[in-house]
Amino acid sequence: MKKITLIIFAIIFFGIGIYTNIYFKTSNSDVIESPSLDEILALPFSLDDGSLSSLGQIDIQDKLIINFWATWCEPCKKELPQLNKFHQQFINDDKIQIIGIAIDEPDAVKLFNKEIPLDFLNLVHEKNGFILTRFLKNEKGVLPYTVIVNKQYEIIEQFYGEITLEMLLKVFK
């Protein structure tokens, strides 16, 4: 029974990967192939209140943790409470900031946040989220994906898949 479940999950994730690859290569002629940092910082994202924001509007003091997630991603659902705990521990630390990038639809994220509210800034945009995750070296194309960057958006650390509070604390000790 466990083998069948694993095979089904593998087929589902493989299908999602193929869909994502085909969708973003064929249906989005306006996708930026090799974006510059300025283009990345200008990409618009939705906020919870429906207004727009961009990474360029975030004033990074020292380090920024960016977590890419989606409402349909089971490992994302498991790690978001861990990120909330991390945020609560470092909420008064001006040198460490955390944001979520939901690669999803705004309505789906609003519903999801009723189940698991996020304590940190969350930006939402499906296409721009994929552009950003590729720019930040998500070569495996997986979610969740977390990167820690400096003020120049240079990657300090990256995590493929689900992370824990302990993993983040280890980086910042």
N, C-alpha and C. Protein backbone atom coordinates (compact mmCIF):
# COMPACT_ATOMS: atom_id res chain seq x y z
N MET A 1 0.82 -1.20 0.00
CA MET A 1 0.00 0.00 0.00
C MET A 1 0.86 1.26 0.00
N LYS A 2 1.97 1.23 0.76
CA LYS A 2 2.85 2.39 0.81
C LYS A 2 3.51 2.65 -0.54
N LYS A 3 3.86 1.57 -1.25
CA LYS A 3 4.47 1.73 -2.57
C LYS A 3 3.51 2.40 -3.54
N ILE A 4 2.27 2.00 -3.50
CA ILE A 4 1.27 2.57 -4.40
C ILE A 4 1.09 4.06 -4.10
N THR A 5 1.03 4.41 -2.82
CA THR A 5 0.89 5.81 -2.43
C THR A 5 2.09 6.62 -2.92
N LEU A 6 3.29 6.10 -2.73
CA LEU A 6 4.49 6.79 -3.19
C LEU A 6 4.49 6.96 -4.70
N ILE A 7 4.07 5.94 -5.41
CA ILE A 7 4.02 6.01 -6.88
C ILE A 7 3.01 7.06 -7.32
N ILE A 8 1.87 7.11 -6.66
CA ILE A 8 0.84 8.09 -7.01
C ILE A 8 1.37 9.51 -6.77
N PHE A 9 2.01 9.74 -5.60
CA PHE A 9 2.58 11.06 -5.32
C PHE A 9 3.65 11.42 -6.34
N ALA A 10 4.49 10.46 -6.70
CA ALA A 10 5.55 10.73 -7.68
C ALA A 10 4.94 11.13 -9.03
N ILE A 11 3.89 10.44 -9.44
CA ILE A 11 3.23 10.77 -10.71
C ILE A 11 2.61 12.16 -10.65
N ILE A 12 1.97 12.48 -9.53
CA ILE A 12 1.35 13.80 -9.37
C ILE A 12 2.40 14.90 -9.45
N PHE A 13 3.50 14.76 -8.68
CA PHE A 13 4.53 15.79 -8.68
C PHE A 13 5.23 15.89 -10.02
N PHE A 14 5.41 14.76 -10.70
CA PHE A 14 6.00 14.78 -12.04
C PHE A 14 5.08 15.53 -12.99
N GLY A 15 3.78 15.27 -12.88
CA GLY A 15 2.81 15.96 -13.73
C GLY A 15 2.79 17.46 -13.47
N ILE A 16 2.86 17.85 -12.19
CA ILE A 16 2.91 19.27 -11.86
C ILE A 16 4.16 19.90 -12.46
N GLY A 17 5.28 19.21 -12.37
CA GLY A 17 6.53 19.73 -12.94
C GLY A 17 6.44 19.92 -14.44
N ILE A 18 5.89 18.94 -15.14
CA ILE A 18 5.74 19.05 -16.59
C ILE A 18 4.78 20.18 -16.94
N TYR A 19 3.64 20.26 -16.23
CA TYR A 19 2.67 21.33 -16.48
C TYR A 19 3.33 22.70 -16.30
N THR A 20 4.04 22.85 -15.19
CA THR A 20 4.69 24.12 -14.89
C THR A 20 5.69 24.48 -15.98
N ASN A 21 6.48 23.52 -16.38
CA ASN A 21 7.50 23.76 -17.41
C ASN A 21 6.85 24.14 -18.74
N ILE A 22 5.85 23.41 -19.16
CA ILE A 22 5.16 23.70 -20.42
C ILE A 22 4.41 25.03 -20.34
N TYR A 23 3.66 25.24 -19.25
CA TYR A 23 2.86 26.46 -19.10
C TYR A 23 3.72 27.70 -19.16
N PHE A 24 4.82 27.70 -18.46
CA PHE A 24 5.62 28.91 -18.40
C PHE A 24 6.57 29.07 -19.57
N LYS A 25 6.74 28.04 -20.39
CA LYS A 25 7.55 28.20 -21.59
C LYS A 25 6.70 28.57 -22.80
N THR A 26 5.45 28.12 -22.82
CA THR A 26 4.66 28.32 -24.02
C THR A 26 3.58 29.40 -23.91
N SER A 27 3.00 29.57 -22.72
CA SER A 27 1.86 30.47 -22.65
C SER A 27 2.21 31.87 -22.17
N ASN A 28 3.44 32.10 -21.80
CA ASN A 28 3.80 33.41 -21.28
C ASN A 28 4.91 34.03 -22.11
N SER A 29 4.53 34.61 -23.22
CA SER A 29 5.53 35.21 -24.08
C SER A 29 6.16 36.44 -23.44
N ASP A 30 5.52 36.98 -22.39
CA ASP A 30 6.06 38.15 -21.73
C ASP A 30 6.97 37.80 -20.55
N VAL A 31 7.27 36.51 -20.36
CA VAL A 31 8.19 36.11 -19.30
C VAL A 31 9.58 36.63 -19.64
N ILE A 32 10.23 37.20 -18.64
CA ILE A 32 11.57 37.74 -18.84
C ILE A 32 12.55 36.58 -18.84
N GLU A 33 13.26 36.36 -19.94
CA GLU A 33 14.18 35.21 -20.05
C GLU A 33 15.33 35.29 -19.07
N SER A 34 16.11 36.34 -19.10
CA SER A 34 17.25 36.53 -18.20
C SER A 34 17.10 37.90 -17.54
N PRO A 35 16.25 37.97 -16.53
CA PRO A 35 15.97 39.29 -15.94
C PRO A 35 17.17 39.85 -15.18
N SER A 36 17.26 41.14 -15.19
CA SER A 36 18.27 41.83 -14.38
C SER A 36 17.72 41.96 -12.97
N LEU A 37 18.56 42.31 -12.03
CA LEU A 37 18.11 42.52 -10.66
C LEU A 37 17.07 43.64 -10.60
N ASP A 38 17.28 44.71 -11.39
CA ASP A 38 16.31 45.82 -11.40
C ASP A 38 14.94 45.35 -11.89
N GLU A 39 14.92 44.49 -12.91
CA GLU A 39 13.64 43.96 -13.41
C GLU A 39 12.98 43.08 -12.35
N ILE A 40 13.78 42.27 -11.66
CA ILE A 40 13.25 41.41 -10.59
C ILE A 40 12.66 42.25 -9.47
N LEU A 41 13.38 43.30 -9.07
CA LEU A 41 12.90 44.15 -7.97
C LEU A 41 11.64 44.92 -8.33
N ALA A 42 11.35 45.07 -9.61
CA ALA A 42 10.16 45.81 -10.06
C ALA A 42 8.94 44.91 -10.30
N LEU A 43 9.11 43.59 -10.27
CA LEU A 43 7.97 42.70 -10.52
C LEU A 43 6.86 42.96 -9.51
N PRO A 44 5.62 43.13 -9.98
CA PRO A 44 4.52 43.39 -9.04
C PRO A 44 3.99 42.12 -8.39
N PHE A 45 3.66 42.24 -7.11
CA PHE A 45 3.04 41.16 -6.34
C PHE A 45 1.86 41.74 -5.58
N SER A 46 0.85 40.91 -5.35
CA SER A 46 -0.33 41.34 -4.57
C SER A 46 -0.05 41.17 -3.08
N LEU A 47 -0.62 42.08 -2.31
CA LEU A 47 -0.62 41.97 -0.85
C LEU A 47 -1.99 41.47 -0.41
N ASP A 48 -2.11 41.15 0.86
CA ASP A 48 -3.38 40.64 1.40
C ASP A 48 -4.55 41.58 1.15
N ASP A 49 -4.29 42.88 1.18
CA ASP A 49 -5.37 43.86 1.00
C ASP A 49 -5.69 44.14 -0.47
N GLY A 50 -5.02 43.44 -1.39
CA GLY A 50 -5.27 43.62 -2.82
C GLY A 50 -4.37 44.65 -3.47
N SER A 51 -3.63 45.41 -2.69
CA SER A 51 -2.72 46.39 -3.28
C SER A 51 -1.49 45.68 -3.83
N LEU A 52 -0.69 46.42 -4.58
CA LEU A 52 0.50 45.83 -5.19
C LEU A 52 1.76 46.31 -4.49
N SER A 53 2.75 45.44 -4.50
CA SER A 53 4.05 45.77 -3.94
C SER A 53 5.11 45.05 -4.78
N SER A 54 6.36 45.32 -4.48
CA SER A 54 7.46 44.64 -5.18
C SER A 54 8.61 44.46 -4.20
N LEU A 55 9.55 43.62 -4.56
CA LEU A 55 10.72 43.43 -3.71
C LEU A 55 11.50 44.73 -3.55
N GLY A 56 11.48 45.57 -4.57
CA GLY A 56 12.19 46.84 -4.51
C GLY A 56 11.70 47.75 -3.40
N GLN A 57 10.49 47.51 -2.91
CA GLN A 57 9.94 48.33 -1.83
C GLN A 57 10.32 47.83 -0.44
N ILE A 58 11.02 46.70 -0.39
CA ILE A 58 11.46 46.14 0.89
C ILE A 58 12.86 46.63 1.18
N ASP A 59 13.02 47.28 2.30
CA ASP A 59 14.32 47.81 2.71
C ASP A 59 15.04 46.74 3.53
N ILE A 60 15.96 46.03 2.90
CA ILE A 60 16.69 44.98 3.59
C ILE A 60 17.79 45.61 4.44
N GLN A 61 17.76 45.32 5.72
CA GLN A 61 18.78 45.84 6.63
C GLN A 61 20.06 45.00 6.55
N ASP A 62 19.91 43.69 6.53
CA ASP A 62 21.08 42.81 6.49
C ASP A 62 20.78 41.54 5.70
N LYS A 63 19.84 40.72 6.21
CA LYS A 63 19.49 39.46 5.56
C LYS A 63 17.98 39.34 5.39
N LEU A 64 17.59 38.77 4.26
CA LEU A 64 16.18 38.55 3.97
C LEU A 64 15.97 37.07 3.68
N ILE A 65 15.02 36.47 4.39
CA ILE A 65 14.63 35.08 4.13
C ILE A 65 13.41 35.15 3.22
N ILE A 66 13.50 34.47 2.08
CA ILE A 66 12.38 34.43 1.14
C ILE A 66 11.93 32.98 1.03
N ASN A 67 10.67 32.75 1.39
CA ASN A 67 10.10 31.40 1.33
C ASN A 67 9.06 31.34 0.22
N PHE A 68 9.28 30.47 -0.74
CA PHE A 68 8.34 30.26 -1.84
C PHE A 68 7.43 29.09 -1.47
N TRP A 69 6.12 29.29 -1.63
CA TRP A 69 5.17 28.26 -1.23
C TRP A 69 3.91 28.36 -2.09
N ALA A 70 3.01 27.41 -1.90
CA ALA A 70 1.71 27.42 -2.58
C ALA A 70 0.68 26.73 -1.69
N THR A 71 -0.57 27.07 -1.88
CA THR A 71 -1.63 26.51 -1.05
C THR A 71 -1.82 25.02 -1.27
N TRP A 72 -1.48 24.51 -2.44
CA TRP A 72 -1.66 23.10 -2.77
C TRP A 72 -0.46 22.24 -2.37
N CYS A 73 0.56 22.84 -1.83
CA CYS A 73 1.82 22.17 -1.49
C CYS A 73 1.79 21.68 -0.04
N GLU A 74 1.71 20.37 0.16
CA GLU A 74 1.62 19.80 1.50
C GLU A 74 2.85 20.10 2.36
N PRO A 75 4.09 19.97 1.85
CA PRO A 75 5.24 20.33 2.69
C PRO A 75 5.24 21.82 3.07
N CYS A 76 4.68 22.66 2.19
CA CYS A 76 4.57 24.09 2.50
C CYS A 76 3.67 24.29 3.71
N LYS A 77 2.55 23.58 3.74
CA LYS A 77 1.61 23.70 4.84
C LYS A 77 2.26 23.28 6.16
N LYS A 78 3.15 22.31 6.10
CA LYS A 78 3.82 21.84 7.32
C LYS A 78 4.88 22.84 7.80
N GLU A 79 5.53 23.53 6.86
CA GLU A 79 6.64 24.40 7.27
C GLU A 79 6.20 25.82 7.62
N LEU A 80 5.08 26.29 7.13
CA LEU A 80 4.66 27.67 7.40
C LEU A 80 4.52 27.97 8.90
N PRO A 81 3.96 27.06 9.71
CA PRO A 81 3.94 27.34 11.16
C PRO A 81 5.36 27.45 11.74
N GLN A 82 6.31 26.71 11.20
CA GLN A 82 7.71 26.82 11.64
C GLN A 82 8.26 28.21 11.32
N LEU A 83 7.93 28.71 10.14
CA LEU A 83 8.37 30.05 9.75
C LEU A 83 7.73 31.11 10.64
N ASN A 84 6.46 30.89 11.01
CA ASN A 84 5.81 31.82 11.94
C ASN A 84 6.55 31.85 13.27
N LYS A 85 6.96 30.68 13.76
CA LYS A 85 7.70 30.62 15.03
C LYS A 85 9.04 31.34 14.90
N PHE A 86 9.71 31.14 13.78
CA PHE A 86 11.00 31.82 13.57
C PHE A 86 10.77 33.34 13.55
N HIS A 87 9.76 33.76 12.83
CA HIS A 87 9.46 35.20 12.76
C HIS A 87 9.18 35.77 14.14
N GLN A 88 8.42 35.05 14.95
CA GLN A 88 8.12 35.54 16.30
C GLN A 88 9.39 35.69 17.15
N GLN A 89 10.35 34.79 16.96
CA GLN A 89 11.59 34.86 17.72
C GLN A 89 12.46 36.04 17.29
N PHE A 90 12.36 36.42 16.00
CA PHE A 90 13.24 37.46 15.47
C PHE A 90 12.50 38.72 15.06
N ILE A 91 11.27 38.89 15.53
CA ILE A 91 10.44 40.01 15.10
C ILE A 91 11.09 41.37 15.43
N ASN A 92 11.86 41.42 16.49
CA ASN A 92 12.49 42.69 16.89
C ASN A 92 13.92 42.82 16.39
N ASP A 93 14.36 41.87 15.62
CA ASP A 93 15.73 41.91 15.08
C ASP A 93 15.68 42.59 13.71
N ASP A 94 16.21 43.81 13.65
CA ASP A 94 16.17 44.58 12.41
C ASP A 94 17.02 43.98 11.30
N LYS A 95 17.93 43.09 11.65
CA LYS A 95 18.87 42.56 10.65
C LYS A 95 18.34 41.33 9.93
N ILE A 96 17.27 40.73 10.43
CA ILE A 96 16.70 39.53 9.81
C ILE A 96 15.24 39.80 9.48
N GLN A 97 14.91 39.68 8.21
CA GLN A 97 13.52 39.84 7.77
C GLN A 97 13.10 38.56 7.06
N ILE A 98 11.80 38.32 7.03
CA ILE A 98 11.28 37.14 6.36
C ILE A 98 10.04 37.55 5.55
N ILE A 99 9.96 37.02 4.34
CA ILE A 99 8.75 37.21 3.52
C ILE A 99 8.39 35.88 2.87
N GLY A 100 7.13 35.75 2.58
CA GLY A 100 6.65 34.61 1.82
C GLY A 100 6.30 35.07 0.42
N ILE A 101 6.53 34.21 -0.53
CA ILE A 101 6.10 34.45 -1.92
C ILE A 101 5.18 33.28 -2.28
N ALA A 102 3.89 33.55 -2.34
CA ALA A 102 2.93 32.51 -2.69
C ALA A 102 2.82 32.43 -4.21
N ILE A 103 3.19 31.29 -4.74
CA ILE A 103 3.08 31.05 -6.18
C ILE A 103 1.69 30.45 -6.38
N ASP A 104 0.72 31.35 -6.42
CA ASP A 104 -0.66 30.91 -6.35
C ASP A 104 -1.58 32.06 -6.76
N GLU A 105 -2.86 31.82 -6.67
CA GLU A 105 -3.87 32.83 -6.94
C GLU A 105 -4.21 33.57 -5.65
N PRO A 106 -4.41 34.89 -5.69
CA PRO A 106 -4.71 35.65 -4.47
C PRO A 106 -5.91 35.12 -3.69
N ASP A 107 -6.98 34.72 -4.38
CA ASP A 107 -8.17 34.22 -3.66
C ASP A 107 -7.86 32.93 -2.90
N ALA A 108 -7.08 32.06 -3.51
CA ALA A 108 -6.70 30.80 -2.84
C ALA A 108 -5.86 31.09 -1.60
N VAL A 109 -4.99 32.07 -1.69
CA VAL A 109 -4.13 32.43 -0.55
C VAL A 109 -4.96 33.05 0.57
N LYS A 110 -5.94 33.88 0.23
CA LYS A 110 -6.81 34.47 1.27
C LYS A 110 -7.55 33.39 2.05
N LEU A 111 -8.09 32.41 1.34
CA LEU A 111 -8.77 31.30 2.00
C LEU A 111 -7.80 30.50 2.86
N PHE A 112 -6.64 30.24 2.33
CA PHE A 112 -5.61 29.47 3.03
C PHE A 112 -5.19 30.17 4.32
N ASN A 113 -5.05 31.49 4.27
CA ASN A 113 -4.60 32.25 5.44
C ASN A 113 -5.62 32.24 6.57
N LYS A 114 -6.85 31.85 6.29
CA LYS A 114 -7.82 31.67 7.37
C LYS A 114 -7.50 30.39 8.14
N GLU A 115 -6.96 29.40 7.44
CA GLU A 115 -6.57 28.13 8.07
C GLU A 115 -5.22 28.26 8.76
N ILE A 116 -4.25 28.81 8.05
CA ILE A 116 -2.90 29.01 8.60
C ILE A 116 -2.52 30.46 8.35
N PRO A 117 -2.80 31.34 9.31
CA PRO A 117 -2.42 32.75 9.13
C PRO A 117 -0.90 32.91 9.17
N LEU A 118 -0.39 33.82 8.36
CA LEU A 118 1.04 34.08 8.33
C LEU A 118 1.34 35.34 9.13
N ASP A 119 2.38 35.26 9.94
CA ASP A 119 2.76 36.39 10.79
C ASP A 119 3.71 37.35 10.09
N PHE A 120 4.16 37.00 8.91
CA PHE A 120 5.14 37.80 8.19
C PHE A 120 4.56 38.24 6.85
N LEU A 121 5.22 39.21 6.22
CA LEU A 121 4.77 39.74 4.94
C LEU A 121 4.68 38.63 3.90
N ASN A 122 3.60 38.62 3.17
CA ASN A 122 3.41 37.62 2.13
C ASN A 122 3.01 38.31 0.83
N LEU A 123 3.76 38.01 -0.22
CA LEU A 123 3.48 38.53 -1.55
C LEU A 123 2.92 37.40 -2.40
N VAL A 124 1.99 37.73 -3.31
CA VAL A 124 1.32 36.70 -4.09
C VAL A 124 1.34 37.04 -5.57
N HIS A 125 1.81 36.10 -6.38
CA HIS A 125 1.69 36.21 -7.83
C HIS A 125 2.26 34.92 -8.42
N GLU A 126 1.44 34.23 -9.17
CA GLU A 126 1.87 32.93 -9.70
C GLU A 126 3.04 33.07 -10.67
N LYS A 127 2.85 33.82 -11.73
CA LYS A 127 3.90 33.92 -12.77
C LYS A 127 5.15 34.62 -12.24
N ASN A 128 4.98 35.76 -11.57
CA ASN A 128 6.14 36.50 -11.08
C ASN A 128 6.88 35.73 -9.98
N GLY A 129 6.13 34.93 -9.22
CA GLY A 129 6.76 34.07 -8.23
C GLY A 129 7.68 33.05 -8.88
N PHE A 130 7.23 32.46 -10.00
CA PHE A 130 8.08 31.52 -10.73
C PHE A 130 9.31 32.21 -11.32
N ILE A 131 9.12 33.40 -11.84
CA ILE A 131 10.27 34.14 -12.38
C ILE A 131 11.29 34.39 -11.27
N LEU A 132 10.79 34.82 -10.11
CA LEU A 132 11.68 35.11 -8.99
C LEU A 132 12.38 33.86 -8.47
N THR A 133 11.65 32.76 -8.36
CA THR A 133 12.27 31.53 -7.84
C THR A 133 13.37 31.04 -8.79
N ARG A 134 13.17 31.20 -10.08
CA ARG A 134 14.23 30.83 -11.04
C ARG A 134 15.42 31.78 -10.93
N PHE A 135 15.15 33.06 -10.78
CA PHE A 135 16.22 34.05 -10.63
C PHE A 135 17.07 33.74 -9.39
N LEU A 136 16.40 33.23 -8.34
CA LEU A 136 17.10 32.91 -7.10
C LEU A 136 17.54 31.44 -7.05
N LYS A 137 17.84 30.90 -8.21
CA LYS A 137 18.53 29.61 -8.37
C LYS A 137 17.78 28.38 -7.88
N ASN A 138 16.48 28.35 -8.03
CA ASN A 138 15.73 27.13 -7.72
C ASN A 138 15.83 26.20 -8.92
N GLU A 139 17.03 25.64 -9.11
CA GLU A 139 17.28 24.79 -10.28
C GLU A 139 16.43 23.53 -10.30
N LYS A 140 15.99 23.08 -9.12
CA LYS A 140 15.18 21.87 -9.04
C LYS A 140 13.71 22.14 -9.30
N GLY A 141 13.30 23.42 -9.26
CA GLY A 141 11.91 23.77 -9.52
C GLY A 141 10.94 23.25 -8.48
N VAL A 142 11.37 23.12 -7.22
CA VAL A 142 10.53 22.54 -6.19
C VAL A 142 9.93 23.60 -5.28
N LEU A 143 8.85 23.22 -4.63
CA LEU A 143 8.26 23.99 -3.54
C LEU A 143 8.11 23.04 -2.36
N PRO A 144 8.30 23.53 -1.19
CA PRO A 144 8.77 24.86 -0.85
C PRO A 144 10.25 25.03 -1.20
N TYR A 145 10.61 26.28 -1.37
CA TYR A 145 11.99 26.66 -1.65
C TYR A 145 12.26 27.92 -0.83
N THR A 146 13.35 27.90 -0.09
CA THR A 146 13.68 29.02 0.77
C THR A 146 15.11 29.47 0.51
N VAL A 147 15.28 30.77 0.37
CA VAL A 147 16.63 31.33 0.20
C VAL A 147 16.83 32.44 1.23
N ILE A 148 18.07 32.58 1.63
CA ILE A 148 18.47 33.71 2.47
C ILE A 148 19.41 34.53 1.62
N VAL A 149 19.07 35.81 1.47
CA VAL A 149 19.87 36.70 0.62
C VAL A 149 20.35 37.89 1.43
N ASN A 150 21.38 38.55 0.91
CA ASN A 150 21.87 39.79 1.53
C ASN A 150 21.22 40.98 0.82
N LYS A 151 21.68 42.18 1.14
CA LYS A 151 21.09 43.41 0.57
C LYS A 151 21.18 43.46 -0.96
N GLN A 152 22.18 42.80 -1.52
CA GLN A 152 22.37 42.80 -2.98
C GLN A 152 21.66 41.60 -3.64
N TYR A 153 20.86 40.89 -2.88
CA TYR A 153 20.14 39.70 -3.33
C TYR A 153 21.08 38.57 -3.76
N GLU A 154 22.25 38.54 -3.14
CA GLU A 154 23.17 37.41 -3.34
C GLU A 154 22.76 36.32 -2.36
N ILE A 155 22.73 35.09 -2.85
CA ILE A 155 22.27 33.97 -2.03
C ILE A 155 23.33 33.59 -1.01
N ILE A 156 22.92 33.57 0.24
CA ILE A 156 23.79 33.16 1.35
C ILE A 156 23.55 31.68 1.65
N GLU A 157 22.29 31.28 1.60
CA GLU A 157 21.90 29.91 1.93
C GLU A 157 20.63 29.59 1.15
N GLN A 158 20.46 28.32 0.78
CA GLN A 158 19.23 27.92 0.11
C GLN A 158 18.81 26.55 0.62
N PHE A 159 17.49 26.34 0.63
CA PHE A 159 16.90 25.10 1.11
C PHE A 159 15.87 24.62 0.09
N TYR A 160 16.04 23.41 -0.39
CA TYR A 160 15.05 22.78 -1.25
C TYR A 160 14.15 21.92 -0.37
N GLY A 161 12.85 22.11 -0.49
CA GLY A 161 11.92 21.31 0.31
C GLY A 161 11.65 21.94 1.67
N GLU A 162 10.96 21.16 2.48
CA GLU A 162 10.50 21.63 3.78
C GLU A 162 11.66 21.95 4.72
N ILE A 163 11.57 23.11 5.37
CA ILE A 163 12.57 23.48 6.37
C ILE A 163 11.94 23.49 7.75
N THR A 164 12.79 23.48 8.76
CA THR A 164 12.31 23.50 10.14
C THR A 164 12.87 24.72 10.84
N LEU A 165 12.31 25.00 11.98
CA LEU A 165 12.78 26.09 12.82
C LEU A 165 14.25 25.86 13.17
N GLU A 166 14.61 24.63 13.49
CA GLU A 166 15.99 24.31 13.86
C GLU A 166 16.96 24.59 12.72
N MET A 167 16.56 24.30 11.50
CA MET A 167 17.43 24.56 10.35
C MET A 167 17.72 26.05 10.21
N LEU A 168 16.70 26.86 10.37
CA LEU A 168 16.89 28.32 10.27
C LEU A 168 17.72 28.85 11.43
N LEU A 169 17.42 28.37 12.62
CA LEU A 169 18.19 28.83 13.78
C LEU A 169 19.67 28.51 13.65
N LYS A 170 19.96 27.37 13.07
CA LYS A 170 21.36 26.95 12.86
C LYS A 170 22.10 27.95 11.97
N VAL A 171 21.42 28.48 10.96
CA VAL A 171 22.04 29.45 10.04
C VAL A 171 22.34 30.76 10.76
N PHE A 172 21.48 31.14 11.69
CA PHE A 172 21.61 32.45 12.32
C PHE A 172 22.29 32.42 13.69
N LYS A 173 22.90 31.32 14.04
CA LYS A 173 23.65 31.26 15.33
C LYS A 173 25.12 31.44 15.09
